[in-house]
Structures are given as structure tokens and as C-alpha cells.
C-alpha atoms as a PDB file:
ATOM      1  CA  MET A   1     -10.057  36.154 -76.349  1.00  0.00           C
ATOM      2  CA  LYS A   2     -11.267  38.381 -73.513  1.00  0.00           C
ATOM      3  CA  LYS A   3     -11.007  36.998 -70.009  1.00  0.00           C
ATOM      4  CA  THR A   4     -14.075  38.917 -68.819  1.00  0.00           C
ATOM      5  CA  ALA A   5     -17.283  40.301 -70.262  1.00  0.00           C
ATOM      6  CA  SER A   6     -19.639  42.869 -68.804  1.00  0.00           C
ATOM      7  CA  VAL A   7     -23.281  42.224 -68.002  1.00  0.00           C
ATOM      8  CA  PHE A   8     -25.574  45.170 -67.325  1.00  0.00           C
ATOM      9  CA  THR A   9     -29.017  44.789 -65.799  1.00  0.00           C
ATOM     10  CA  ARG A  10     -31.602  47.028 -64.180  1.00  0.00           C
ATOM     11  CA  VAL A  11     -33.060  46.088 -60.812  1.00  0.00           C
ATOM     12  CA  SER A  12     -34.790  48.094 -58.138  1.00  0.00           C
ATOM     13  CA  PRO A  13     -32.446  49.758 -55.650  1.00  0.00           C
ATOM     14  CA  GLU A  14     -34.253  47.951 -52.824  1.00  0.00           C
ATOM     15  CA  LEU A  15     -33.653  44.521 -54.388  1.00  0.00           C
ATOM     16  CA  LYS A  16     -29.995  45.356 -55.036  1.00  0.00           C
ATOM     17  CA  ASN A  17     -29.484  46.520 -51.444  1.00  0.00           C
ATOM     18  CA  GLN A  18     -31.203  43.451 -49.988  1.00  0.00           C
ATOM     19  CA  ALA A  19     -29.122  41.137 -52.173  1.00  0.00           C
ATOM     20  CA  GLU A  20     -25.923  42.976 -51.228  1.00  0.00           C
ATOM     21  CA  ASP A  21     -26.783  42.616 -47.533  1.00  0.00           C
ATOM     22  CA  VAL A  22     -27.161  38.849 -47.904  1.00  0.00           C
ATOM     23  CA  LEU A  23     -24.073  38.485 -50.079  1.00  0.00           C
ATOM     24  CA  ASP A  24     -21.997  40.611 -47.693  1.00  0.00           C
ATOM     25  CA  LYS A  25     -22.917  38.239 -44.860  1.00  0.00           C
ATOM     26  CA  LEU A  26     -21.857  35.334 -47.069  1.00  0.00           C
ATOM     27  CA  GLN A  27     -18.701  37.237 -48.037  1.00  0.00           C
ATOM     28  CA  ILE A  28     -19.491  36.790 -51.728  1.00  0.00           C
ATOM     29  CA  PRO A  29     -19.102  39.760 -54.083  1.00  0.00           C
ATOM     30  CA  MET A  30     -22.127  40.495 -56.299  1.00  0.00           C
ATOM     31  CA  SER A  31     -20.048  39.791 -59.421  1.00  0.00           C
ATOM     32  CA  THR A  32     -19.086  36.359 -58.071  1.00  0.00           C
ATOM     33  CA  ALA A  33     -22.711  35.555 -57.197  1.00  0.00           C
ATOM     34  CA  LEU A  34     -23.816  36.493 -60.710  1.00  0.00           C
ATOM     35  CA  SER A  35     -21.011  34.389 -62.214  1.00  0.00           C
ATOM     36  CA  MET A  36     -22.097  31.461 -60.019  1.00  0.00           C
ATOM     37  CA  PHE A  37     -25.679  31.860 -61.259  1.00  0.00           C
ATOM     38  CA  LEU A  38     -24.609  31.950 -64.915  1.00  0.00           C
ATOM     39  CA  GLN A  39     -22.348  28.916 -64.428  1.00  0.00           C
ATOM     40  CA  GLN A  40     -25.295  26.975 -63.005  1.00  0.00           C
ATOM     41  CA  VAL A  41     -27.486  28.023 -65.957  1.00  0.00           C
ATOM     42  CA  VAL A  42     -24.879  26.527 -68.288  1.00  0.00           C
ATOM     43  CA  GLU A  43     -24.313  23.357 -66.244  1.00  0.00           C
ATOM     44  CA  GLN A  44     -28.007  22.654 -65.688  1.00  0.00           C
ATOM     45  CA  ARG A  45     -29.008  23.877 -69.137  1.00  0.00           C
ATOM     46  CA  GLY A  46     -31.751  25.995 -67.604  1.00  0.00           C
ATOM     47  CA  ILE A  47     -32.682  28.167 -64.669  1.00  0.00           C
ATOM     48  CA  PRO A  48     -31.082  26.554 -61.578  1.00  0.00           C
ATOM     49  CA  PHE A  49     -34.219  26.845 -59.486  1.00  0.00           C
ATOM     50  CA  GLU A  50     -37.897  26.190 -59.959  1.00  0.00           C
ATOM     51  CA  VAL A  51     -39.793  29.032 -61.630  1.00  0.00           C
ATOM     52  CA  LYS A  52     -43.500  28.775 -61.020  1.00  0.00           C
ATOM     53  CA  LEU A  53     -46.562  30.691 -60.048  1.00  0.00           C
ATOM     54  CA  HIS A  54     -47.637  30.317 -56.467  1.00  0.00           C
ATOM     55  CA  HIS A  55     -50.850  28.375 -56.145  1.00  0.00           C
ATOM     56  CA  GLN A  56     -53.654  30.710 -55.233  1.00  0.00           C
ATOM     57  CA  PRO A  57     -56.692  29.228 -53.510  1.00  0.00           C
ATOM     58  CA  LEU A  58     -59.819  29.465 -55.606  1.00  0.00           C
ATOM     59  CA  ASP A  59     -61.750  32.641 -54.767  1.00  0.00           C
ATOM     60  CA  ALA A  60     -65.419  32.045 -55.588  1.00  0.00           C
ATOM     61  CA  SER A  61     -66.142  35.781 -55.465  1.00  0.00           C
ATOM     62  CA  THR A  62     -63.983  36.317 -58.580  1.00  0.00           C
ATOM     63  CA  LEU A  63     -65.703  33.627 -60.675  1.00  0.00           C
ATOM     64  CA  THR A  64     -68.491  34.105 -63.160  1.00  0.00           C
ATOM     65  CA  THR A  65     -71.584  31.975 -62.626  1.00  0.00           C
ATOM     66  CA  GLU A  66     -70.416  29.686 -65.434  1.00  0.00           C
ATOM     67  CA  GLN A  67     -66.923  29.286 -63.918  1.00  0.00           C
ATOM     68  CA  PHE A  68     -68.421  28.638 -60.484  1.00  0.00           C
ATOM     69  CA  ASP A  69     -70.744  25.974 -61.913  1.00  0.00           C
ATOM     70  CA  GLN A  70     -67.772  24.332 -63.672  1.00  0.00           C
ATOM     71  CA  GLU A  71     -65.804  24.165 -60.411  1.00  0.00           C
ATOM     72  CA  ILE A  72     -68.776  22.627 -58.587  1.00  0.00           C
ATOM     73  CA  GLN A  73     -69.174  20.102 -61.411  1.00  0.00           C
ATOM     74  CA  LYS A  74     -65.487  19.147 -61.092  1.00  0.00           C
ATOM     75  CA  GLY A  75     -66.145  18.310 -57.444  1.00  0.00           C
ATOM     76  CA  PHE A  76     -69.162  16.166 -58.324  1.00  0.00           C
ATOM     77  CA  ASP A  77     -67.174  14.404 -61.058  1.00  0.00           C
ATOM     78  CA  ASP A  78     -64.268  13.701 -58.683  1.00  0.00           C
ATOM     79  CA  PHE A  79     -66.676  12.237 -56.139  1.00  0.00           C
ATOM     80  CA  LYS A  80     -68.399  10.136 -58.792  1.00  0.00           C
ATOM     81  CA  HIS A  81     -65.032   8.732 -59.931  1.00  0.00           C
ATOM     82  CA  GLY A  82     -63.884   7.909 -56.418  1.00  0.00           C
ATOM     83  CA  LYS A  83     -61.377  10.754 -56.156  1.00  0.00           C
ATOM     84  CA  THR A  84     -61.914  11.247 -52.453  1.00  0.00           C
ATOM     85  CA  TYR A  85     -59.788  11.301 -49.301  1.00  0.00           C
ATOM     86  CA  THR A  86     -60.396   9.741 -45.919  1.00  0.00           C
ATOM     87  CA  ASP A  87     -60.353  11.983 -42.870  1.00  0.00           C
ATOM     88  CA  GLU A  88     -57.036  10.370 -41.895  1.00  0.00           C
ATOM     89  CA  GLN A  89     -55.500  11.284 -45.276  1.00  0.00           C
ATOM     90  CA  VAL A  90     -56.692  14.884 -44.984  1.00  0.00           C
ATOM     91  CA  HIS A  91     -55.357  15.137 -41.436  1.00  0.00           C
ATOM     92  CA  GLN A  92     -51.965  13.742 -42.528  1.00  0.00           C
ATOM     93  CA  GLN A  93     -51.743  16.146 -45.495  1.00  0.00           C
ATOM     94  CA  LEU A  94     -52.536  19.112 -43.253  1.00  0.00           C
ATOM     95  CA  GLN A  95     -49.897  18.059 -40.742  1.00  0.00           C
ATOM     96  CA  GLU A  96     -47.274  17.673 -43.492  1.00  0.00           C
ATOM     97  CA  LYS A  97     -48.163  21.018 -45.029  1.00  0.00           C
ATOM     98  CA  HIS A  98     -47.935  22.889 -41.735  1.00  0.00           C
ATOM     99  CA  ARG A  99     -44.685  21.159 -40.797  1.00  0.00           C
ATOM    100  CA  GLN A 100     -43.113  22.575 -43.974  1.00  0.00           C
ATOM    101  CA  SER A 101     -44.355  26.133 -43.363  1.00  0.00           C
END
């Protein structure tokens, strides 16, 4: 059985250079970093970090009239069902969010 296998991938030169800069500072060869990533995929049985779309704030200018009306209705429905926040809760959430930034 072979002791090594080759993996070929295409990435932008800029991404490769940026990654090499970071890995050089960590004194980790690119091949070792890729092996570490693959080992974590196996151990965690998935991607070893969260893969998600960044939440984009709703932009009313991109909505159709129907979509806009639906969003407004969601707000009315939330209010009607008691899904509201006190000013203290909003203030606390804003503080927590900006502490993490």
C-alpha cells in the first residue's frame, strides 16, 4: 500500500500566496496543513468548520411589492403573537453583538 497519495486542486494565486504567508508564520508546510484538514474531515465526519451564508440585512429596495408586503405582515404577526423585545433586551443584544465584532 502506498504511504502517500497526491491531491491536486486549483486555487487563485492570491489565495495560495495568502495561505502560504500565514502557514509560513506558523511554520507549517502547505502539505501538512492540507493533511491536517483532511484528518479533521475524517475525525469529525464532515467539514471541520461551519459553512454558512452570511446573514444579509433585508434590503427593501430589492423586494417586489408582494415580498415587501409579506415582510411587513411578518412584523405585524410577530407583534400580534407577543414576539417583541423590551428596550433593555435590544440594548443588551446590541452590546453583545458589538463586543464580538
